Amino acid sequence: MRTLGVAVLGLFLGLIAGALLTSAIARPLVGGGGGEISTGVGVLLGMLMPVLGISGAVIGVIIERRSRGGS
């Protein structure tokens, strides 16, 4: 049950980090006056949040298992 809690916490922290990074990267790209970004950059920005969410969950579980001594 503890591992599940750590995975959920890591997921939420990864999603929050993804939201912050996405807005920090997209704001200068769109704010340049043109208001448009390329399709490739849009796809990468759209994938950033879920990828960081899953990564946060996996990293959280790995850290939790190592802190318990692998048992």
N, C-alpha and C. Protein backbone atom coordinates (compact mmCIF):
# COMPACT_ATOMS: atom_id res chain seq x y z
N MET A 1 0.82 -1.18 0.00
CA MET A 1 0.00 0.00 0.00
C MET A 1 0.87 1.26 0.00
N ARG A 2 2.00 1.15 0.68
CA ARG A 2 2.91 2.29 0.72
C ARG A 2 3.47 2.60 -0.67
N THR A 3 3.78 1.55 -1.42
CA THR A 3 4.31 1.73 -2.76
C THR A 3 3.28 2.41 -3.66
N LEU A 4 2.03 2.05 -3.52
CA LEU A 4 0.98 2.68 -4.31
C LEU A 4 0.87 4.17 -3.97
N GLY A 5 0.95 4.50 -2.70
CA GLY A 5 0.89 5.90 -2.29
C GLY A 5 2.05 6.71 -2.85
N VAL A 6 3.24 6.12 -2.82
CA VAL A 6 4.42 6.80 -3.37
C VAL A 6 4.28 6.97 -4.88
N ALA A 7 3.73 5.97 -5.55
CA ALA A 7 3.53 6.07 -7.00
C ALA A 7 2.54 7.18 -7.35
N VAL A 8 1.45 7.28 -6.58
CA VAL A 8 0.46 8.32 -6.84
C VAL A 8 1.06 9.70 -6.56
N LEU A 9 1.82 9.82 -5.47
CA LEU A 9 2.47 11.09 -5.15
C LEU A 9 3.46 11.48 -6.25
N GLY A 10 4.26 10.52 -6.72
CA GLY A 10 5.19 10.79 -7.80
C GLY A 10 4.49 11.19 -9.08
N LEU A 11 3.34 10.56 -9.36
CA LEU A 11 2.56 10.91 -10.54
C LEU A 11 2.10 12.35 -10.48
N PHE A 12 1.53 12.74 -9.34
CA PHE A 12 1.05 14.12 -9.22
C PHE A 12 2.19 15.14 -9.26
N LEU A 13 3.30 14.83 -8.61
CA LEU A 13 4.43 15.76 -8.66
C LEU A 13 5.00 15.87 -10.07
N GLY A 14 5.03 14.76 -10.80
CA GLY A 14 5.48 14.80 -12.19
C GLY A 14 4.54 15.60 -13.07
N LEU A 15 3.23 15.47 -12.84
CA LEU A 15 2.26 16.24 -13.62
C LEU A 15 2.37 17.73 -13.33
N ILE A 16 2.60 18.08 -12.08
CA ILE A 16 2.77 19.49 -11.72
C ILE A 16 4.04 20.04 -12.37
N ALA A 17 5.12 19.27 -12.31
CA ALA A 17 6.36 19.70 -12.95
C ALA A 17 6.17 19.86 -14.46
N GLY A 18 5.43 18.94 -15.06
CA GLY A 18 5.16 19.02 -16.50
C GLY A 18 4.35 20.25 -16.85
N ALA A 19 3.36 20.58 -16.03
CA ALA A 19 2.55 21.77 -16.29
C ALA A 19 3.39 23.03 -16.18
N LEU A 20 4.26 23.09 -15.18
CA LEU A 20 5.11 24.27 -15.02
C LEU A 20 6.11 24.40 -16.16
N LEU A 21 6.72 23.28 -16.55
CA LEU A 21 7.68 23.34 -17.65
C LEU A 21 7.01 23.66 -18.98
N THR A 22 5.83 23.10 -19.20
CA THR A 22 5.12 23.38 -20.44
C THR A 22 4.79 24.86 -20.56
N SER A 23 4.29 25.45 -19.50
CA SER A 23 3.95 26.87 -19.57
C SER A 23 5.21 27.73 -19.66
N ALA A 24 6.29 27.31 -19.00
CA ALA A 24 7.53 28.10 -19.06
C ALA A 24 8.16 28.05 -20.45
N ILE A 25 7.98 26.94 -21.15
CA ILE A 25 8.55 26.82 -22.50
C ILE A 25 7.62 27.44 -23.54
N ALA A 26 6.32 27.22 -23.40
CA ALA A 26 5.37 27.68 -24.42
C ALA A 26 5.16 29.18 -24.39
N ARG A 27 5.21 29.79 -23.22
CA ARG A 27 4.95 31.23 -23.13
C ARG A 27 5.90 32.07 -23.98
N PRO A 28 7.21 31.84 -23.92
CA PRO A 28 8.10 32.63 -24.80
C PRO A 28 7.90 32.32 -26.29
N LEU A 29 7.56 31.07 -26.61
CA LEU A 29 7.36 30.71 -28.01
C LEU A 29 6.15 31.42 -28.60
N VAL A 30 5.07 31.49 -27.85
CA VAL A 30 3.84 32.09 -28.34
C VAL A 30 3.86 33.60 -28.17
N GLY A 31 4.53 34.07 -27.13
CA GLY A 31 4.54 35.50 -26.85
C GLY A 31 5.42 36.32 -27.77
N GLY A 32 6.07 35.70 -28.73
CA GLY A 32 6.96 36.41 -29.64
C GLY A 32 6.25 37.27 -30.65
N GLY A 33 4.94 37.35 -30.61
CA GLY A 33 4.21 38.20 -31.54
C GLY A 33 3.44 37.41 -32.58
N GLY A 34 3.99 36.30 -33.06
CA GLY A 34 3.32 35.51 -34.07
C GLY A 34 2.16 34.71 -33.51
N GLY A 35 2.29 34.23 -32.31
CA GLY A 35 1.22 33.47 -31.68
C GLY A 35 1.07 32.06 -32.21
N GLU A 36 1.99 31.59 -33.01
CA GLU A 36 1.89 30.24 -33.57
C GLU A 36 3.17 29.48 -33.28
N ILE A 37 3.01 28.18 -33.05
CA ILE A 37 4.16 27.30 -32.91
C ILE A 37 4.01 26.17 -33.92
N SER A 38 5.12 25.54 -34.24
CA SER A 38 5.06 24.47 -35.23
C SER A 38 4.38 23.24 -34.65
N THR A 39 3.97 22.35 -35.52
CA THR A 39 3.26 21.15 -35.11
C THR A 39 4.16 20.24 -34.27
N GLY A 40 5.41 20.11 -34.66
CA GLY A 40 6.34 19.26 -33.91
C GLY A 40 6.56 19.76 -32.49
N VAL A 41 6.71 21.06 -32.33
CA VAL A 41 6.89 21.64 -31.00
C VAL A 41 5.61 21.47 -30.19
N GLY A 42 4.47 21.62 -30.83
CA GLY A 42 3.20 21.43 -30.14
C GLY A 42 3.03 20.01 -29.64
N VAL A 43 3.42 19.03 -30.45
CA VAL A 43 3.34 17.63 -30.04
C VAL A 43 4.28 17.37 -28.87
N LEU A 44 5.50 17.90 -28.93
CA LEU A 44 6.45 17.71 -27.84
C LEU A 44 5.95 18.35 -26.55
N LEU A 45 5.39 19.53 -26.64
CA LEU A 45 4.85 20.18 -25.45
C LEU A 45 3.66 19.41 -24.90
N GLY A 46 2.86 18.83 -25.77
CA GLY A 46 1.72 18.04 -25.32
C GLY A 46 2.12 16.74 -24.67
N MET A 47 3.26 16.19 -25.07
CA MET A 47 3.72 14.93 -24.50
C MET A 47 4.52 15.14 -23.22
N LEU A 48 4.94 16.35 -22.94
CA LEU A 48 5.81 16.60 -21.80
C LEU A 48 5.14 16.27 -20.47
N MET A 49 3.90 16.68 -20.30
CA MET A 49 3.21 16.47 -19.03
C MET A 49 2.97 14.99 -18.71
N PRO A 50 2.41 14.20 -19.62
CA PRO A 50 2.23 12.77 -19.30
C PRO A 50 3.54 12.01 -19.10
N VAL A 51 4.55 12.35 -19.88
CA VAL A 51 5.83 11.67 -19.75
C VAL A 51 6.44 11.96 -18.38
N LEU A 52 6.39 13.22 -17.95
CA LEU A 52 6.93 13.56 -16.63
C LEU A 52 6.09 12.95 -15.51
N GLY A 53 4.79 12.83 -15.72
CA GLY A 53 3.94 12.19 -14.72
C GLY A 53 4.30 10.73 -14.52
N ILE A 54 4.45 10.00 -15.62
CA ILE A 54 4.82 8.59 -15.53
C ILE A 54 6.23 8.45 -14.97
N SER A 55 7.13 9.31 -15.39
CA SER A 55 8.50 9.27 -14.88
C SER A 55 8.53 9.53 -13.38
N GLY A 56 7.73 10.47 -12.92
CA GLY A 56 7.67 10.76 -11.48
C GLY A 56 7.18 9.57 -10.69
N ALA A 57 6.18 8.86 -11.21
CA ALA A 57 5.67 7.68 -10.52
C ALA A 57 6.73 6.59 -10.46
N VAL A 58 7.42 6.35 -11.56
CA VAL A 58 8.45 5.30 -11.60
C VAL A 58 9.62 5.66 -10.69
N ILE A 59 10.06 6.90 -10.75
CA ILE A 59 11.19 7.33 -9.92
C ILE A 59 10.81 7.28 -8.44
N GLY A 60 9.58 7.66 -8.11
CA GLY A 60 9.13 7.59 -6.73
C GLY A 60 9.15 6.17 -6.19
N VAL A 61 8.70 5.21 -6.98
CA VAL A 61 8.70 3.81 -6.55
C VAL A 61 10.13 3.30 -6.41
N ILE A 62 11.01 3.67 -7.32
CA ILE A 62 12.41 3.23 -7.24
C ILE A 62 13.06 3.77 -5.98
N ILE A 63 12.85 5.04 -5.69
CA ILE A 63 13.44 5.64 -4.49
C ILE A 63 12.87 5.00 -3.23
N GLU A 64 11.58 4.73 -3.23
CA GLU A 64 10.94 4.13 -2.06
C GLU A 64 11.47 2.71 -1.82
N ARG A 65 11.65 1.95 -2.88
CA ARG A 65 12.16 0.58 -2.73
C ARG A 65 13.60 0.57 -2.24
N ARG A 66 14.41 1.50 -2.75
CA ARG A 66 15.79 1.56 -2.32
C ARG A 66 15.90 2.02 -0.87
N SER A 67 15.01 2.90 -0.43
CA SER A 67 15.06 3.38 0.95
C SER A 67 14.64 2.28 1.93
N ARG A 68 13.84 1.32 1.47
CA ARG A 68 13.44 0.19 2.33
C ARG A 68 14.47 -0.93 2.31
N GLY A 69 15.46 -0.82 1.51
CA GLY A 69 16.48 -1.86 1.45
C GLY A 69 16.17 -2.98 0.48
N GLY A 70 15.23 -2.73 -0.45
CA GLY A 70 14.92 -3.72 -1.46
C GLY A 70 14.00 -4.83 -1.02
N SER A 71 13.44 -4.73 0.19
CA SER A 71 12.56 -5.81 0.67
C SER A 71 11.16 -5.68 0.17
